[in-house]
Amino acid sequence: MLGLFSSSIMSPPDELVAAGSRTPSPKTTSATLLNRFVQTNPSAVSLQLGDHVQLAYTHETESALCPRSFAVKDDIFCLFEGVLDNLGSLRQQYGLAKSANEVILMIEAYKALRDRAPYPPSHVVGHLSGSFAFIVFDKSTSTLFVASDRNGKVPLYWGITADGYVAFSDNADLLKGACGKSLASFPQGCFLSTAVGELRCYQNPKNKITAVPANEEEIWGATFKVEGPAALAATR
């Protein structure tokens, strides 16, 4: 899966900007990145949402244990990869039919987050149990909501393209050529909400997340880590 967001939606993370500046490396534009994704995945589906957002996904190469899914409802778009172990209880919690799958559940969970304020985002993702990574974009409010499971069972990466778009994908190789050293693994057990304005750990939302510069020989430009003795999320 692939999500591309201009600076009008999300400001490029300073840590990834700095990583790219420390070790300059070739980058490509968001349009080139999207074209590469579509060309290498003939069955890919891509969507252009206004002038600032592009989403794409494919069922090629997906794992049977971590399928990819896409849905849109009420101008809320969601790309979801993985499975929720507690999907049944979450359906009951959100009043959904037994036929509702993970991606529909995630859209409804986001709507609860948006419409039942104050309702902390950490509660929404904290109640999810399983292997997952997702990208939610609310077109009506231009809000982006991204998260990864607490054990990093479904990989998720993010980087900055040559034209300043923030790119999210489950495919590190896809982003390497487009983002250069402005690339990192999205920290497990964390979420990013443009409504909140920063990256947070959903089990310990008050703990600070720092970016440690990577070694020059590493493909990453930085490693995000959650500080504090109770922190469970630290990824490369």
Protein backbone atom coordinates (compact mmCIF):
# COMPACT_ATOMS: atom_id res chain seq x y z
CA MET A 1 0.00 0.00 0.00
CA LEU A 2 1.07 3.58 -0.59
CA GLY A 3 -0.08 6.93 0.72
CA LEU A 4 1.31 10.27 -0.46
CA PHE A 5 0.50 13.53 1.32
CA SER A 6 1.66 17.03 0.43
CA SER A 7 2.80 19.57 3.01
CA SER A 8 -0.69 21.07 2.89
CA ILE A 9 -1.90 17.92 4.69
CA MET A 10 1.14 17.07 6.77
CA SER A 11 4.39 18.91 7.38
CA PRO A 12 7.41 16.70 6.64
CA PRO A 13 8.88 15.46 9.96
CA ASP A 14 11.91 17.55 10.95
CA GLU A 15 13.81 14.39 11.88
CA LEU A 16 13.48 12.96 8.37
CA VAL A 17 14.31 16.31 6.77
CA ALA A 18 17.48 16.47 8.89
CA ALA A 19 18.37 12.86 8.05
CA GLY A 20 18.20 13.63 4.35
CA SER A 21 20.33 16.74 4.83
CA ARG A 22 23.06 14.88 6.75
CA THR A 23 23.54 12.33 4.00
CA PRO A 24 22.30 13.70 0.67
CA SER A 25 21.08 10.94 -1.62
CA PRO A 26 19.05 10.71 -4.82
CA LYS A 27 15.29 11.20 -4.55
CA THR A 28 12.34 11.16 -6.92
CA THR A 29 9.03 13.00 -6.94
CA SER A 30 5.77 11.68 -5.55
CA ALA A 31 4.41 11.31 -9.11
CA THR A 32 7.38 9.16 -10.09
CA LEU A 33 6.95 7.06 -6.95
CA LEU A 34 3.27 6.49 -7.68
CA ASN A 35 4.01 5.59 -11.30
CA ARG A 36 6.61 3.09 -10.16
CA PHE A 37 4.10 1.48 -7.81
CA VAL A 38 1.45 1.19 -10.52
CA GLN A 39 3.89 -0.07 -13.17
CA THR A 40 5.30 -2.79 -10.93
CA ASN A 41 1.83 -3.87 -9.78
CA PRO A 42 -0.39 -4.24 -12.87
CA SER A 43 -3.53 -4.81 -10.80
CA ALA A 44 -2.90 -1.79 -8.55
CA VAL A 45 -5.70 0.64 -7.80
CA SER A 46 -4.77 4.30 -7.32
CA LEU A 47 -6.81 7.31 -6.26
CA GLN A 48 -6.13 11.02 -6.54
CA LEU A 49 -7.91 12.94 -3.77
CA GLY A 50 -7.77 16.58 -4.74
CA ASP A 51 -4.38 18.14 -5.34
CA HIS A 52 -2.64 16.94 -2.20
CA VAL A 53 -3.33 13.23 -1.58
CA GLN A 54 -2.69 10.05 -3.52
CA LEU A 55 -3.52 6.54 -2.33
CA ALA A 56 -2.73 3.22 -3.98
CA TYR A 57 -2.91 -0.46 -3.12
CA THR A 58 -2.63 -3.91 -4.63
CA HIS A 59 -3.45 -7.45 -3.58
CA GLU A 60 -0.35 -8.74 -5.35
CA THR A 61 2.35 -10.13 -3.05
CA GLU A 62 0.11 -9.77 0.01
CA SER A 63 0.31 -12.36 2.76
CA ALA A 64 -2.71 -14.54 3.44
CA LEU A 65 -2.13 -13.82 7.12
CA CYS A 66 -1.97 -10.05 6.59
CA PRO A 67 -4.30 -9.15 3.71
CA ARG A 68 -4.66 -5.61 2.41
CA SER A 69 -8.04 -3.93 2.19
CA PHE A 70 -9.45 -0.58 1.17
CA ALA A 71 -12.75 1.17 1.82
CA VAL A 72 -14.28 4.63 1.70
CA LYS A 73 -17.33 5.87 3.56
CA ASP A 74 -18.55 9.42 4.18
CA ASP A 75 -15.37 10.83 2.59
CA ILE A 76 -13.19 8.78 4.95
CA PHE A 77 -10.64 6.70 3.04
CA CYS A 78 -8.80 3.80 4.67
CA LEU A 79 -5.99 1.48 3.63
CA PHE A 80 -5.62 -1.39 6.09
CA GLU A 81 -3.16 -4.27 6.16
CA GLY A 82 -3.38 -7.13 8.64
CA VAL A 83 -5.93 -8.76 10.90
CA LEU A 84 -7.52 -7.87 14.23
CA ASP A 85 -7.73 -10.66 16.79
CA ASN A 86 -10.54 -8.90 18.65
CA LEU A 87 -12.60 -7.92 15.60
CA GLY A 88 -15.72 -9.60 17.02
CA SER A 89 -15.76 -7.61 20.24
CA LEU A 90 -14.91 -4.39 18.40
CA ARG A 91 -17.89 -4.91 16.08
CA GLN A 92 -20.10 -5.01 19.15
CA GLN A 93 -18.40 -1.98 20.67
CA TYR A 94 -19.04 0.11 17.55
CA GLY A 95 -22.45 -1.38 16.76
CA LEU A 96 -21.41 -2.98 13.46
CA ALA A 97 -22.81 -5.93 11.56
CA LYS A 98 -21.05 -9.29 11.73
CA SER A 99 -20.02 -8.83 8.11
CA ALA A 100 -17.92 -5.73 8.89
CA ASN A 101 -14.23 -6.36 8.27
CA GLU A 102 -11.14 -4.60 9.63
CA VAL A 103 -11.12 -1.69 7.21
CA ILE A 104 -14.79 -0.86 7.85
CA LEU A 105 -14.18 -1.15 11.58
CA MET A 106 -11.29 1.28 11.31
CA ILE A 107 -13.41 3.86 9.50
CA GLU A 108 -16.09 3.63 12.20
CA ALA A 109 -13.46 3.85 14.94
CA TYR A 110 -12.07 6.99 13.34
CA LYS A 111 -15.58 8.50 13.10
CA ALA A 112 -16.01 7.87 16.83
CA LEU A 113 -12.68 9.59 17.44
CA ARG A 114 -13.70 12.57 15.31
CA ASP A 115 -17.31 12.98 16.43
CA ARG A 116 -17.27 12.01 20.12
CA ALA A 117 -14.70 14.50 21.34
CA PRO A 118 -12.96 14.40 23.67
CA TYR A 119 -12.02 10.86 22.69
CA PRO A 120 -8.23 10.34 22.73
CA PRO A 121 -6.71 8.71 19.62
CA SER A 122 -4.65 6.52 21.92
CA HIS A 123 -7.89 4.87 23.07
CA VAL A 124 -8.90 4.04 19.52
CA VAL A 125 -5.67 2.29 18.56
CA GLY A 126 -5.03 1.01 22.07
CA HIS A 127 -8.15 -1.16 21.83
CA LEU A 128 -6.91 -2.83 18.64
CA SER A 129 -5.33 -6.25 19.14
CA GLY A 130 -3.58 -8.05 16.31
CA SER A 131 -1.20 -7.46 13.44
CA PHE A 132 -1.92 -4.27 11.52
CA ALA A 133 -0.89 -1.02 9.93
CA PHE A 134 -3.35 1.49 8.52
CA ILE A 135 -3.68 4.84 6.84
CA VAL A 136 -6.90 6.83 7.30
CA PHE A 137 -7.56 10.08 5.47
CA ASP A 138 -10.63 12.18 6.20
CA LYS A 139 -11.19 14.28 3.09
CA SER A 140 -13.84 16.43 4.75
CA THR A 141 -11.37 17.73 7.36
CA SER A 142 -8.06 16.97 5.59
CA THR A 143 -7.06 14.89 8.62
CA LEU A 144 -4.50 12.07 8.40
CA PHE A 145 -4.43 9.21 10.92
CA VAL A 146 -1.73 6.50 10.69
CA ALA A 147 -0.78 3.71 13.09
CA SER A 148 1.19 0.48 13.42
CA ASP A 149 0.61 -2.42 15.81
CA ARG A 150 2.58 -2.57 19.04
CA ASN A 151 4.84 -5.44 17.91
CA GLY A 152 5.56 -4.24 14.40
CA LYS A 153 4.19 -7.42 12.84
CA VAL A 154 3.04 -5.47 9.79
CA PRO A 155 5.89 -3.27 8.55
CA LEU A 156 5.25 0.37 7.81
CA TYR A 157 7.75 2.93 6.54
CA TRP A 158 7.67 6.65 5.94
CA GLY A 159 9.84 9.11 4.08
CA ILE A 160 9.97 12.39 2.19
CA THR A 161 10.02 12.59 -1.60
CA ALA A 162 11.93 15.08 -3.73
CA ASP A 163 8.89 17.36 -3.95
CA GLY A 164 8.25 17.31 -0.20
CA TYR A 165 5.44 14.76 0.00
CA VAL A 166 5.33 12.49 3.04
CA ALA A 167 5.09 8.90 1.80
CA PHE A 168 3.87 5.88 3.77
CA SER A 169 4.21 2.31 2.54
CA ASP A 170 4.57 -1.29 3.67
CA ASN A 171 7.36 -1.68 1.09
CA ALA A 172 10.73 -0.26 2.15
CA ASP A 173 12.33 -0.95 -1.23
CA LEU A 174 9.65 1.14 -2.92
CA LEU A 175 10.50 4.17 -0.79
CA LYS A 176 14.29 3.87 -0.86
CA GLY A 177 14.70 5.26 -4.35
CA ALA A 178 12.15 8.01 -3.82
CA CYS A 179 13.12 9.23 -0.36
CA GLY A 180 16.87 8.64 -0.10
CA LYS A 181 18.01 8.95 3.51
CA SER A 182 14.82 10.82 4.43
CA LEU A 183 13.42 7.40 5.28
CA ALA A 184 12.62 5.52 8.47
CA SER A 185 10.59 2.65 9.82
CA PHE A 186 7.37 3.95 11.35
CA PRO A 187 7.72 3.19 15.08
CA GLN A 188 5.70 0.22 16.25
CA GLY A 189 2.99 0.86 18.80
CA CYS A 190 2.70 4.47 17.67
CA PHE A 191 0.19 6.63 15.85
CA LEU A 192 0.31 9.88 13.95
CA SER A 193 -2.70 12.17 13.84
CA THR A 194 -2.55 15.55 12.15
CA ALA A 195 -5.46 16.53 14.42
CA VAL A 196 -3.17 15.94 17.42
CA GLY A 197 -0.17 17.31 15.60
CA GLU A 198 2.57 14.86 16.51
CA LEU A 199 3.75 11.27 16.65
CA ARG A 200 2.77 9.46 19.86
CA CYS A 201 2.99 6.06 21.49
CA TYR A 202 -0.55 4.85 22.11
CA GLN A 203 0.29 2.80 25.19
CA ASN A 204 2.28 5.64 26.73
CA PRO A 205 1.02 8.78 24.95
CA LYS A 206 2.88 11.14 27.29
CA ASN A 207 6.27 9.57 26.59
CA LYS A 208 8.48 11.56 24.26
CA ILE A 209 9.49 10.06 20.92
CA THR A 210 12.95 10.92 19.69
CA ALA A 211 14.77 10.23 16.44
CA VAL A 212 18.31 8.86 16.65
CA PRO A 213 20.46 9.50 13.56
CA ALA A 214 21.31 6.28 11.80
CA ASN A 215 24.78 5.17 10.76
CA GLU A 216 25.80 6.10 7.24
CA GLU A 217 25.82 2.47 6.10
CA GLU A 218 22.22 1.94 7.16
CA ILE A 219 19.40 2.45 4.67
CA TRP A 220 17.47 4.49 7.25
CA GLY A 221 18.16 8.11 7.94
CA ALA A 222 16.87 7.87 11.52
CA THR A 223 15.49 5.48 14.12
CA PHE A 224 12.45 6.61 16.12
CA LYS A 225 12.34 5.50 19.75
CA VAL A 226 9.87 5.98 22.58
CA GLU A 227 11.53 7.21 25.74
CA GLY A 228 10.71 6.11 29.28
CA PRO A 229 10.96 2.87 31.28
CA ALA A 230 7.48 1.76 30.20
CA ALA A 231 8.14 2.28 26.52
CA LEU A 232 7.50 -0.79 24.42
CA ALA A 233 7.99 0.68 20.98
CA ALA A 234 11.41 1.18 19.48
CA THR A 235 12.07 0.48 15.85
CA ARG A 236 14.59 0.97 13.15
